[in-house]
Amino acid sequence: MNKTTLTAIIAAAAIGLGIYWFTGTESKVKIGPIAAAEGSMAAYIKQATPKILPALTFVDEAGAAKDNAVFNGKVTLLNLWATWCAPCRKEMPELAKLQKDLGGADFQVVELSEDLKGYPASAKFLKDVGADNLTLYADDKANALDVLAAPGLPVTLLLNRDGKEVGRLLGPAPWGGDEAKAIIKAVIDLK
């Protein structure tokens, strides 16, 4: 990870904590030029055509190297997050609910931790918040942020069965709600 990326991560964390501290949970979350009300999928950006996902590398629980191949075969909601990111922490129960409701042969929620502390800290956090039903990988150098041109955390990409990006959302979202499920089911139905 380069120095610019590290600085951006630290700045995003400070801004996120500041927004969370000063606005509480009833406010709007500012996402770039869009202000999406919490409880809404208004910030979801659908791609005009599926985009090839740039090559990513990360590790699993055993430290084994993994790549984009883990996304093939199922529709995947790929969530980039970190334990220190307040909005990331807040949306984690929503992601766990989504996995419980839709996860299976056709769909999976995959957590890609950008936490510099690595896999163990991220796994502990997921267990502590009751979200340990999610597939977890770790990118402890936070390279995926640069590769995916993500301006901050959380960022969530919806991938089709071929591992191509069909949409993305910057910031937290109500992933366990009906609106998010409808977006995901539409991609699942494209067999």
N, C-alpha and C. Protein backbone atom coordinates (compact mmCIF):
# COMPACT_ATOMS: atom_id res chain seq x y z
N MET A 1 0.85 -1.16 0.00
CA MET A 1 0.00 0.00 0.00
C MET A 1 0.90 1.23 0.00
N ASN A 2 0.52 2.19 -0.83
CA ASN A 2 1.35 3.39 -0.88
C ASN A 2 0.94 4.38 0.21
N LYS A 3 1.77 5.39 0.40
CA LYS A 3 1.56 6.37 1.46
C LYS A 3 0.26 7.16 1.26
N THR A 4 -0.08 7.45 -0.01
CA THR A 4 -1.31 8.19 -0.30
C THR A 4 -2.53 7.39 0.13
N THR A 5 -2.52 6.08 -0.15
CA THR A 5 -3.65 5.23 0.23
C THR A 5 -3.79 5.17 1.74
N LEU A 6 -2.69 5.02 2.45
CA LEU A 6 -2.74 4.96 3.90
C LEU A 6 -3.28 6.27 4.47
N THR A 7 -2.84 7.37 3.91
CA THR A 7 -3.34 8.67 4.36
C THR A 7 -4.83 8.79 4.10
N ALA A 8 -5.28 8.31 2.94
CA ALA A 8 -6.71 8.36 2.60
C ALA A 8 -7.53 7.50 3.55
N ILE A 9 -7.02 6.34 3.91
CA ILE A 9 -7.72 5.45 4.84
C ILE A 9 -7.85 6.12 6.20
N ILE A 10 -6.77 6.69 6.69
CA ILE A 10 -6.80 7.36 7.99
C ILE A 10 -7.75 8.55 7.96
N ALA A 11 -7.73 9.32 6.88
CA ALA A 11 -8.62 10.47 6.77
C ALA A 11 -10.08 10.02 6.72
N ALA A 12 -10.36 8.97 5.95
CA ALA A 12 -11.74 8.46 5.85
C ALA A 12 -12.23 7.97 7.21
N ALA A 13 -11.35 7.32 7.94
CA ALA A 13 -11.73 6.83 9.28
C ALA A 13 -12.06 8.00 10.20
N ALA A 14 -11.21 9.03 10.16
CA ALA A 14 -11.43 10.19 11.02
C ALA A 14 -12.74 10.90 10.65
N ILE A 15 -12.99 11.05 9.37
CA ILE A 15 -14.23 11.69 8.92
C ILE A 15 -15.42 10.84 9.32
N GLY A 16 -15.34 9.53 9.09
CA GLY A 16 -16.43 8.62 9.45
C GLY A 16 -16.74 8.66 10.93
N LEU A 17 -15.70 8.64 11.75
CA LEU A 17 -15.91 8.71 13.20
C LEU A 17 -16.51 10.05 13.59
N GLY A 18 -16.06 11.12 12.95
CA GLY A 18 -16.60 12.44 13.24
C GLY A 18 -18.07 12.54 12.89
N ILE A 19 -18.44 12.04 11.71
CA ILE A 19 -19.85 12.05 11.30
C ILE A 19 -20.67 11.23 12.28
N TYR A 20 -20.17 10.04 12.60
CA TYR A 20 -20.90 9.15 13.51
C TYR A 20 -21.04 9.80 14.88
N TRP A 21 -19.99 10.40 15.38
CA TRP A 21 -20.00 11.01 16.72
C TRP A 21 -20.95 12.20 16.78
N PHE A 22 -20.85 13.09 15.77
CA PHE A 22 -21.62 14.33 15.83
C PHE A 22 -23.05 14.20 15.34
N THR A 23 -23.34 13.23 14.47
CA THR A 23 -24.68 13.16 13.90
C THR A 23 -25.52 12.04 14.48
N GLY A 24 -24.91 11.08 15.13
CA GLY A 24 -25.67 9.98 15.70
C GLY A 24 -26.21 9.07 14.63
N THR A 25 -27.27 8.33 14.95
CA THR A 25 -27.77 7.32 14.03
C THR A 25 -29.00 7.77 13.24
N GLU A 26 -29.55 8.92 13.52
CA GLU A 26 -30.77 9.35 12.85
C GLU A 26 -30.51 10.30 11.68
N SER A 27 -29.27 10.52 11.32
CA SER A 27 -28.95 11.52 10.31
C SER A 27 -28.85 10.92 8.92
N LYS A 28 -28.41 11.75 8.01
CA LYS A 28 -28.10 11.29 6.68
C LYS A 28 -26.60 11.05 6.60
N VAL A 29 -26.23 10.07 5.78
CA VAL A 29 -24.82 9.75 5.57
C VAL A 29 -24.43 10.36 4.23
N LYS A 30 -23.42 11.22 4.20
CA LYS A 30 -22.99 11.84 2.96
C LYS A 30 -22.04 10.89 2.24
N ILE A 31 -22.37 10.65 0.97
CA ILE A 31 -21.58 9.76 0.14
C ILE A 31 -21.23 10.54 -1.12
N GLY A 32 -20.04 11.11 -1.14
CA GLY A 32 -19.67 11.93 -2.28
C GLY A 32 -20.70 13.03 -2.47
N PRO A 33 -21.15 13.23 -3.73
CA PRO A 33 -22.13 14.28 -3.99
C PRO A 33 -23.56 13.86 -3.62
N ILE A 34 -23.75 12.61 -3.26
CA ILE A 34 -25.09 12.10 -2.97
C ILE A 34 -25.28 12.07 -1.46
N ALA A 35 -26.43 12.46 -0.97
CA ALA A 35 -26.77 12.29 0.43
C ALA A 35 -27.89 11.26 0.47
N ALA A 36 -27.58 10.05 0.90
CA ALA A 36 -28.56 8.97 0.92
C ALA A 36 -29.07 8.80 2.34
N ALA A 37 -30.36 8.85 2.49
CA ALA A 37 -30.94 8.65 3.81
C ALA A 37 -30.67 7.23 4.25
N GLU A 38 -30.32 7.07 5.53
CA GLU A 38 -30.15 5.73 6.04
C GLU A 38 -31.47 4.99 5.88
N GLY A 39 -31.39 3.69 5.57
CA GLY A 39 -32.60 2.92 5.32
C GLY A 39 -32.97 2.91 3.85
N SER A 40 -32.11 3.45 2.99
CA SER A 40 -32.38 3.57 1.56
C SER A 40 -31.22 3.00 0.75
N MET A 41 -31.54 2.52 -0.43
CA MET A 41 -30.51 2.03 -1.36
C MET A 41 -30.25 3.08 -2.45
N ALA A 42 -30.58 4.35 -2.18
CA ALA A 42 -30.48 5.42 -3.16
C ALA A 42 -29.07 5.59 -3.72
N ALA A 43 -28.05 5.23 -2.98
CA ALA A 43 -26.68 5.43 -3.44
C ALA A 43 -26.16 4.27 -4.30
N TYR A 44 -26.98 3.23 -4.51
CA TYR A 44 -26.57 2.09 -5.33
C TYR A 44 -26.41 2.54 -6.78
N ILE A 45 -25.29 2.20 -7.38
CA ILE A 45 -24.99 2.57 -8.76
C ILE A 45 -24.95 1.29 -9.60
N LYS A 46 -25.90 1.15 -10.50
CA LYS A 46 -25.95 -0.02 -11.39
C LYS A 46 -25.07 0.26 -12.60
N GLN A 47 -24.23 -0.72 -12.95
CA GLN A 47 -23.37 -0.59 -14.14
C GLN A 47 -24.22 -0.78 -15.39
N ALA A 48 -23.95 -0.01 -16.44
CA ALA A 48 -24.68 -0.16 -17.70
C ALA A 48 -24.45 -1.54 -18.29
N THR A 49 -23.22 -2.02 -18.20
CA THR A 49 -22.87 -3.38 -18.60
C THR A 49 -21.92 -3.93 -17.54
N PRO A 50 -21.96 -5.25 -17.29
CA PRO A 50 -21.06 -5.82 -16.28
C PRO A 50 -19.60 -5.49 -16.58
N LYS A 51 -18.87 -5.09 -15.53
CA LYS A 51 -17.46 -4.72 -15.67
C LYS A 51 -16.56 -5.83 -15.14
N ILE A 52 -15.50 -6.11 -15.87
CA ILE A 52 -14.52 -7.09 -15.41
C ILE A 52 -13.88 -6.54 -14.14
N LEU A 53 -13.86 -7.36 -13.12
CA LEU A 53 -13.28 -6.96 -11.84
C LEU A 53 -11.76 -7.03 -11.94
N PRO A 54 -11.04 -5.97 -11.57
CA PRO A 54 -9.58 -6.03 -11.57
C PRO A 54 -9.09 -7.17 -10.66
N ALA A 55 -7.90 -7.66 -10.93
CA ALA A 55 -7.34 -8.77 -10.16
C ALA A 55 -7.11 -8.34 -8.70
N LEU A 56 -7.65 -9.15 -7.79
CA LEU A 56 -7.48 -8.93 -6.36
C LEU A 56 -6.75 -10.11 -5.75
N THR A 57 -5.98 -9.85 -4.70
CA THR A 57 -5.36 -10.93 -3.94
C THR A 57 -5.60 -10.67 -2.47
N PHE A 58 -5.85 -11.76 -1.74
CA PHE A 58 -6.17 -11.68 -0.32
C PHE A 58 -5.94 -13.06 0.27
N VAL A 59 -6.17 -13.21 1.57
CA VAL A 59 -5.93 -14.50 2.22
C VAL A 59 -7.16 -14.97 2.97
N ASP A 60 -7.22 -16.30 3.15
CA ASP A 60 -8.30 -16.88 3.95
C ASP A 60 -7.82 -17.10 5.38
N GLU A 61 -8.63 -17.78 6.16
CA GLU A 61 -8.33 -17.99 7.58
C GLU A 61 -6.99 -18.68 7.81
N ALA A 62 -6.62 -19.59 6.90
CA ALA A 62 -5.37 -20.33 7.04
C ALA A 62 -4.17 -19.57 6.49
N GLY A 63 -4.41 -18.38 5.93
CA GLY A 63 -3.32 -17.61 5.34
C GLY A 63 -3.04 -17.98 3.89
N ALA A 64 -3.89 -18.83 3.31
CA ALA A 64 -3.71 -19.25 1.92
C ALA A 64 -4.14 -18.12 0.98
N ALA A 65 -3.33 -17.90 -0.04
CA ALA A 65 -3.62 -16.84 -1.01
C ALA A 65 -4.85 -17.20 -1.83
N LYS A 66 -5.70 -16.21 -2.03
CA LYS A 66 -6.92 -16.36 -2.82
C LYS A 66 -6.98 -15.23 -3.84
N ASP A 67 -7.82 -15.41 -4.85
CA ASP A 67 -8.01 -14.38 -5.86
C ASP A 67 -9.46 -14.34 -6.31
N ASN A 68 -9.73 -13.65 -7.41
CA ASN A 68 -11.08 -13.44 -7.89
C ASN A 68 -11.84 -14.74 -8.17
N ALA A 69 -11.17 -15.84 -8.32
CA ALA A 69 -11.84 -17.11 -8.62
C ALA A 69 -12.88 -17.47 -7.56
N VAL A 70 -12.71 -17.00 -6.32
CA VAL A 70 -13.68 -17.33 -5.26
C VAL A 70 -15.04 -16.67 -5.50
N PHE A 71 -15.11 -15.73 -6.43
CA PHE A 71 -16.36 -15.04 -6.71
C PHE A 71 -17.16 -15.70 -7.84
N ASN A 72 -16.56 -16.64 -8.55
CA ASN A 72 -17.21 -17.25 -9.70
C ASN A 72 -18.21 -18.32 -9.28
N GLY A 73 -19.33 -18.38 -10.00
CA GLY A 73 -20.32 -19.43 -9.78
C GLY A 73 -21.53 -18.98 -8.99
N LYS A 74 -21.37 -17.98 -8.12
CA LYS A 74 -22.48 -17.46 -7.33
C LYS A 74 -22.54 -15.94 -7.51
N VAL A 75 -23.73 -15.41 -7.38
CA VAL A 75 -23.85 -13.95 -7.26
C VAL A 75 -23.24 -13.61 -5.90
N THR A 76 -22.39 -12.60 -5.88
CA THR A 76 -21.63 -12.26 -4.67
C THR A 76 -21.80 -10.79 -4.33
N LEU A 77 -22.06 -10.54 -3.06
CA LEU A 77 -22.03 -9.18 -2.55
C LEU A 77 -20.68 -9.06 -1.83
N LEU A 78 -19.75 -8.32 -2.42
CA LEU A 78 -18.40 -8.15 -1.90
C LEU A 78 -18.32 -6.85 -1.14
N ASN A 79 -18.12 -6.96 0.17
CA ASN A 79 -18.10 -5.80 1.06
C ASN A 79 -16.69 -5.55 1.56
N LEU A 80 -16.12 -4.38 1.25
CA LEU A 80 -14.82 -3.96 1.78
C LEU A 80 -15.06 -3.14 3.02
N TRP A 81 -14.37 -3.46 4.10
CA TRP A 81 -14.63 -2.84 5.40
C TRP A 81 -13.39 -2.95 6.28
N ALA A 82 -13.48 -2.38 7.48
CA ALA A 82 -12.43 -2.52 8.49
C ALA A 82 -13.07 -2.38 9.86
N THR A 83 -12.44 -2.96 10.87
CA THR A 83 -13.01 -2.94 12.22
C THR A 83 -13.08 -1.54 12.81
N TRP A 84 -12.22 -0.63 12.37
CA TRP A 84 -12.18 0.72 12.92
C TRP A 84 -13.18 1.66 12.23
N CYS A 85 -13.84 1.20 11.20
CA CYS A 85 -14.75 2.02 10.40
C CYS A 85 -16.16 1.96 11.00
N ALA A 86 -16.61 3.06 11.63
CA ALA A 86 -17.91 3.08 12.32
C ALA A 86 -19.08 2.73 11.40
N PRO A 87 -19.19 3.30 10.19
CA PRO A 87 -20.29 2.91 9.31
C PRO A 87 -20.22 1.43 8.90
N CYS A 88 -19.00 0.91 8.75
CA CYS A 88 -18.83 -0.51 8.41
C CYS A 88 -19.39 -1.37 9.53
N ARG A 89 -19.02 -1.02 10.74
CA ARG A 89 -19.47 -1.77 11.91
C ARG A 89 -20.99 -1.75 12.02
N LYS A 90 -21.58 -0.59 11.72
CA LYS A 90 -23.02 -0.44 11.86
C LYS A 90 -23.79 -1.31 10.87
N GLU A 91 -23.27 -1.48 9.64
CA GLU A 91 -24.01 -2.24 8.63
C GLU A 91 -23.77 -3.75 8.71
N MET A 92 -22.83 -4.20 9.52
CA MET A 92 -22.49 -5.62 9.57
C MET A 92 -23.68 -6.52 9.92
N PRO A 93 -24.52 -6.16 10.89
CA PRO A 93 -25.69 -7.02 11.16
C PRO A 93 -26.64 -7.12 9.95
N GLU A 94 -26.73 -6.06 9.16
CA GLU A 94 -27.55 -6.09 7.94
C GLU A 94 -27.00 -7.11 6.95
N LEU A 95 -25.68 -7.14 6.81
CA LEU A 95 -25.05 -8.08 5.89
C LEU A 95 -25.24 -9.52 6.38
N ALA A 96 -25.14 -9.73 7.69
CA ALA A 96 -25.35 -11.06 8.26
C ALA A 96 -26.79 -11.51 8.03
N LYS A 97 -27.74 -10.59 8.17
CA LYS A 97 -29.16 -10.91 7.93
C LYS A 97 -29.37 -11.27 6.46
N LEU A 98 -28.75 -10.53 5.56
CA LEU A 98 -28.86 -10.81 4.13
C LEU A 98 -28.34 -12.21 3.82
N GLN A 99 -27.18 -12.57 4.37
CA GLN A 99 -26.62 -13.90 4.14
C GLN A 99 -27.57 -14.97 4.67
N LYS A 100 -28.13 -14.74 5.84
CA LYS A 100 -29.06 -15.70 6.43
C LYS A 100 -30.30 -15.88 5.55
N ASP A 101 -30.81 -14.77 5.02
CA ASP A 101 -32.04 -14.82 4.24
C ASP A 101 -31.85 -15.32 2.80
N LEU A 102 -30.74 -14.94 2.14
CA LEU A 102 -30.56 -15.28 0.73
C LEU A 102 -29.39 -16.21 0.43
N GLY A 103 -28.48 -16.37 1.38
CA GLY A 103 -27.27 -17.16 1.13
C GLY A 103 -27.58 -18.60 0.79
N GLY A 104 -26.76 -19.18 -0.09
CA GLY A 104 -26.95 -20.57 -0.48
C GLY A 104 -26.24 -20.86 -1.79
N ALA A 105 -26.82 -21.73 -2.59
CA ALA A 105 -26.19 -22.18 -3.83
C ALA A 105 -26.04 -21.07 -4.86
N ASP A 106 -26.92 -20.04 -4.80
CA ASP A 106 -26.90 -18.99 -5.81
C ASP A 106 -26.30 -17.66 -5.35
N PHE A 107 -26.12 -17.49 -4.04
CA PHE A 107 -25.72 -16.17 -3.53
C PHE A 107 -24.86 -16.30 -2.28
N GLN A 108 -23.91 -15.36 -2.15
CA GLN A 108 -23.06 -15.29 -0.96
C GLN A 108 -22.68 -13.85 -0.66
N VAL A 109 -22.54 -13.57 0.63
CA VAL A 109 -21.96 -12.30 1.07
C VAL A 109 -20.52 -12.60 1.44
N VAL A 110 -19.59 -11.84 0.87
CA VAL A 110 -18.17 -12.02 1.15
C VAL A 110 -17.63 -10.73 1.74
N GLU A 111 -17.02 -10.85 2.90
CA GLU A 111 -16.39 -9.73 3.58
C GLU A 111 -14.90 -9.72 3.25
N LEU A 112 -14.42 -8.62 2.70
CA LEU A 112 -12.99 -8.46 2.45
C LEU A 112 -12.48 -7.37 3.38
N SER A 113 -11.83 -7.79 4.45
CA SER A 113 -11.34 -6.87 5.46
C SER A 113 -10.11 -6.12 4.94
N GLU A 114 -10.18 -4.81 5.04
CA GLU A 114 -9.06 -3.95 4.68
C GLU A 114 -8.31 -3.51 5.94
N ASP A 115 -8.60 -4.16 7.04
CA ASP A 115 -8.00 -3.85 8.33
C ASP A 115 -6.53 -4.26 8.32
N LEU A 116 -5.66 -3.35 8.67
CA LEU A 116 -4.22 -3.63 8.67
C LEU A 116 -3.83 -4.65 9.75
N LYS A 117 -4.73 -4.93 10.69
CA LYS A 117 -4.46 -5.92 11.74
C LYS A 117 -4.61 -7.35 11.22
N GLY A 118 -5.18 -7.52 10.04
CA GLY A 118 -5.26 -8.83 9.42
C GLY A 118 -6.50 -9.64 9.80
N TYR A 119 -6.46 -10.90 9.42
CA TYR A 119 -7.59 -11.80 9.55
C TYR A 119 -8.06 -12.00 11.00
N PRO A 120 -7.17 -12.29 11.95
CA PRO A 120 -7.65 -12.59 13.31
C PRO A 120 -8.50 -11.48 13.93
N ALA A 121 -8.10 -10.24 13.79
CA ALA A 121 -8.86 -9.13 14.37
C ALA A 121 -10.23 -9.01 13.70
N SER A 122 -10.27 -9.22 12.41
CA SER A 122 -11.53 -9.12 11.67
C SER A 122 -12.46 -10.27 12.03
N ALA A 123 -11.93 -11.47 12.13
CA ALA A 123 -12.75 -12.65 12.50
C ALA A 123 -13.32 -12.47 13.90
N LYS A 124 -12.52 -11.95 14.82
CA LYS A 124 -13.00 -11.72 16.19
C LYS A 124 -14.14 -10.71 16.19
N PHE A 125 -13.99 -9.65 15.42
CA PHE A 125 -15.04 -8.65 15.35
C PHE A 125 -16.35 -9.26 14.83
N LEU A 126 -16.26 -10.02 13.73
CA LEU A 126 -17.47 -10.63 13.16
C LEU A 126 -18.16 -11.54 14.18
N LYS A 127 -17.36 -12.29 14.93
CA LYS A 127 -17.93 -13.16 15.95
C LYS A 127 -18.61 -12.33 17.05
N ASP A 128 -17.94 -11.27 17.48
CA ASP A 128 -18.47 -10.42 18.56
C ASP A 128 -19.80 -9.77 18.20
N VAL A 129 -20.02 -9.44 16.92
CA VAL A 129 -21.26 -8.78 16.51
C VAL A 129 -22.29 -9.76 15.94
N GLY A 130 -21.98 -11.06 16.00
CA GLY A 130 -22.92 -12.06 15.51
C GLY A 130 -23.01 -12.13 14.01
N ALA A 131 -21.94 -11.77 13.32
CA ALA A 131 -21.92 -11.81 11.86
C ALA A 131 -20.92 -12.84 11.35
N ASP A 132 -20.68 -13.87 12.15
CA ASP A 132 -19.68 -14.87 11.75
C ASP A 132 -20.25 -15.90 10.76
N ASN A 133 -21.47 -15.66 10.23
CA ASN A 133 -21.99 -16.49 9.15
C ASN A 133 -21.52 -15.99 7.79
N LEU A 134 -20.74 -14.91 7.77
CA LEU A 134 -20.24 -14.33 6.53
C LEU A 134 -18.88 -14.91 6.16
N THR A 135 -18.65 -15.09 4.87
CA THR A 135 -17.35 -15.54 4.38
C THR A 135 -16.37 -14.38 4.54
N LEU A 136 -15.23 -14.64 5.16
CA LEU A 136 -14.26 -13.59 5.44
C LEU A 136 -12.92 -13.88 4.77
N TYR A 137 -12.40 -12.84 4.13
CA TYR A 137 -11.03 -12.84 3.61
C TYR A 137 -10.38 -11.56 4.12
N ALA A 138 -9.05 -11.53 4.10
CA ALA A 138 -8.32 -10.36 4.60
C ALA A 138 -7.33 -9.85 3.58
N ASP A 139 -7.30 -8.55 3.45
CA ASP A 139 -6.36 -7.82 2.60
C ASP A 139 -5.64 -6.85 3.53
N ASP A 140 -4.68 -7.37 4.32
CA ASP A 140 -4.06 -6.56 5.36
C ASP A 140 -3.11 -5.48 4.85
N LYS A 141 -3.00 -5.35 3.55
CA LYS A 141 -2.23 -4.25 2.97
C LYS A 141 -3.18 -3.22 2.33
N ALA A 142 -4.47 -3.50 2.39
CA ALA A 142 -5.51 -2.62 1.85
C ALA A 142 -5.31 -2.29 0.38
N ASN A 143 -4.77 -3.23 -0.39
CA ASN A 143 -4.55 -3.02 -1.81
C ASN A 143 -5.85 -2.93 -2.61
N ALA A 144 -6.89 -3.62 -2.16
CA ALA A 144 -8.15 -3.64 -2.90
C ALA A 144 -8.75 -2.25 -3.04
N LEU A 145 -8.51 -1.38 -2.07
CA LEU A 145 -9.03 -0.02 -2.16
C LEU A 145 -8.51 0.70 -3.40
N ASP A 146 -7.21 0.57 -3.66
CA ASP A 146 -6.62 1.18 -4.84
C ASP A 146 -7.10 0.48 -6.11
N VAL A 147 -7.04 -0.83 -6.10
CA VAL A 147 -7.38 -1.62 -7.29
C VAL A 147 -8.82 -1.36 -7.73
N LEU A 148 -9.73 -1.23 -6.77
CA LEU A 148 -11.14 -1.03 -7.08
C LEU A 148 -11.55 0.44 -7.14
N ALA A 149 -10.58 1.33 -7.01
CA ALA A 149 -10.83 2.77 -7.02
C ALA A 149 -11.91 3.15 -6.01
N ALA A 150 -11.78 2.60 -4.82
CA ALA A 150 -12.73 2.88 -3.74
C ALA A 150 -12.25 4.10 -2.96
N PRO A 151 -13.08 5.12 -2.86
CA PRO A 151 -12.66 6.34 -2.18
C PRO A 151 -12.68 6.24 -0.66
N GLY A 152 -13.23 5.19 -0.12
CA GLY A 152 -13.31 5.04 1.33
C GLY A 152 -14.05 3.77 1.69
N LEU A 153 -14.34 3.61 2.95
CA LEU A 153 -15.03 2.41 3.44
C LEU A 153 -16.32 2.80 4.14
N PRO A 154 -17.31 1.96 4.11
CA PRO A 154 -17.38 0.72 3.36
C PRO A 154 -17.70 0.99 1.89
N VAL A 155 -17.33 0.05 1.06
CA VAL A 155 -17.75 0.02 -0.33
C VAL A 155 -18.18 -1.42 -0.61
N THR A 156 -19.30 -1.56 -1.29
CA THR A 156 -19.86 -2.89 -1.54
C THR A 156 -20.14 -3.04 -3.02
N LEU A 157 -19.64 -4.13 -3.59
CA LEU A 157 -19.82 -4.42 -5.01
C LEU A 157 -20.73 -5.62 -5.17
N LEU A 158 -21.65 -5.56 -6.11
CA LEU A 158 -22.49 -6.69 -6.46
C LEU A 158 -21.90 -7.30 -7.71
N LEU A 159 -21.56 -8.59 -7.60
CA LEU A 159 -20.92 -9.31 -8.70
C LEU A 159 -21.87 -10.37 -9.23
N ASN A 160 -21.86 -10.54 -10.56
CA ASN A 160 -22.68 -11.60 -11.15
C ASN A 160 -21.96 -12.95 -11.02
N ARG A 161 -22.55 -14.01 -11.55
CA ARG A 161 -21.98 -15.36 -11.43
C ARG A 161 -20.61 -15.50 -12.11
N ASP A 162 -20.31 -14.58 -13.03
CA ASP A 162 -19.01 -14.60 -13.71
C ASP A 162 -17.98 -13.76 -12.97
N GLY A 163 -18.32 -13.22 -11.82
CA GLY A 163 -17.40 -12.40 -11.04
C GLY A 163 -17.24 -11.00 -11.59
N LYS A 164 -18.18 -10.55 -12.43
CA LYS A 164 -18.12 -9.19 -12.98
C LYS A 164 -19.00 -8.26 -12.14
N GLU A 165 -18.54 -7.02 -12.01
CA GLU A 165 -19.28 -6.03 -11.22
C GLU A 165 -20.50 -5.55 -11.99
N VAL A 166 -21.68 -5.69 -11.35
CA VAL A 166 -22.91 -5.19 -11.95
C VAL A 166 -23.43 -3.96 -11.22
N GLY A 167 -22.86 -3.67 -10.05
CA GLY A 167 -23.25 -2.49 -9.31
C GLY A 167 -22.38 -2.30 -8.08
N ARG A 168 -22.44 -1.09 -7.52
CA ARG A 168 -21.68 -0.79 -6.30
C ARG A 168 -22.39 0.27 -5.49
N LEU A 169 -22.05 0.27 -4.22
CA LEU A 169 -22.61 1.26 -3.31
C LEU A 169 -21.50 1.73 -2.38
N LEU A 170 -21.32 3.03 -2.30
CA LEU A 170 -20.33 3.61 -1.41
C LEU A 170 -21.03 4.04 -0.14
N GLY A 171 -20.53 3.59 0.99
CA GLY A 171 -21.15 3.93 2.27
C GLY A 171 -22.01 2.78 2.78
N PRO A 172 -22.54 2.95 3.99
CA PRO A 172 -23.36 1.89 4.58
C PRO A 172 -24.74 1.83 3.93
N ALA A 173 -25.37 0.66 4.03
CA ALA A 173 -26.69 0.49 3.43
C ALA A 173 -27.49 -0.55 4.21
N PRO A 174 -28.80 -0.53 4.05
CA PRO A 174 -29.67 -1.51 4.71
C PRO A 174 -29.75 -2.81 3.90
N TRP A 175 -28.68 -3.56 3.90
CA TRP A 175 -28.58 -4.75 3.06
C TRP A 175 -29.58 -5.84 3.42
N GLY A 176 -30.11 -5.83 4.62
CA GLY A 176 -31.08 -6.85 5.01
C GLY A 176 -32.51 -6.50 4.61
N GLY A 177 -32.72 -5.34 3.99
CA GLY A 177 -34.07 -4.87 3.66
C GLY A 177 -34.57 -5.36 2.31
N ASP A 178 -35.84 -5.13 2.07
CA ASP A 178 -36.51 -5.59 0.85
C ASP A 178 -35.94 -4.96 -0.42
N GLU A 179 -35.58 -3.67 -0.36
CA GLU A 179 -35.07 -2.99 -1.54
C GLU A 179 -33.74 -3.61 -1.99
N ALA A 180 -32.84 -3.88 -1.05
CA ALA A 180 -31.56 -4.51 -1.38
C ALA A 180 -31.78 -5.92 -1.91
N LYS A 181 -32.67 -6.66 -1.26
CA LYS A 181 -32.95 -8.04 -1.70
C LYS A 181 -33.51 -8.07 -3.11
N ALA A 182 -34.34 -7.10 -3.48
CA ALA A 182 -34.90 -7.04 -4.83
C ALA A 182 -33.78 -6.82 -5.86
N ILE A 183 -32.85 -5.94 -5.54
CA ILE A 183 -31.71 -5.68 -6.45
C ILE A 183 -30.91 -6.96 -6.63
N ILE A 184 -30.63 -7.66 -5.55
CA ILE A 184 -29.82 -8.87 -5.61
C ILE A 184 -30.56 -10.00 -6.31
N LYS A 185 -31.85 -10.18 -6.01
CA LYS A 185 -32.64 -11.24 -6.64
C LYS A 185 -32.72 -11.06 -8.15
N ALA A 186 -32.75 -9.81 -8.62
CA ALA A 186 -32.77 -9.56 -10.06
C ALA A 186 -31.50 -10.09 -10.72
N VAL A 187 -30.37 -9.98 -10.03
CA VAL A 187 -29.10 -10.51 -10.58
C VAL A 187 -29.08 -12.04 -10.46
N ILE A 188 -29.59 -12.58 -9.37
CA ILE A 188 -29.65 -14.04 -9.22
C ILE A 188 -30.51 -14.65 -10.33
N ASP A 189 -31.59 -13.99 -10.69
CA ASP A 189 -32.51 -14.52 -11.70
C ASP A 189 -31.93 -14.52 -13.10
N LEU A 190 -30.82 -13.81 -13.32
CA LEU A 190 -30.17 -13.79 -14.63
C LEU A 190 -29.27 -15.02 -14.82
N LYS A 191 -29.86 -16.18 -14.88
CA LYS A 191 -29.07 -17.43 -14.98
C LYS A 191 -28.56 -17.65 -16.33
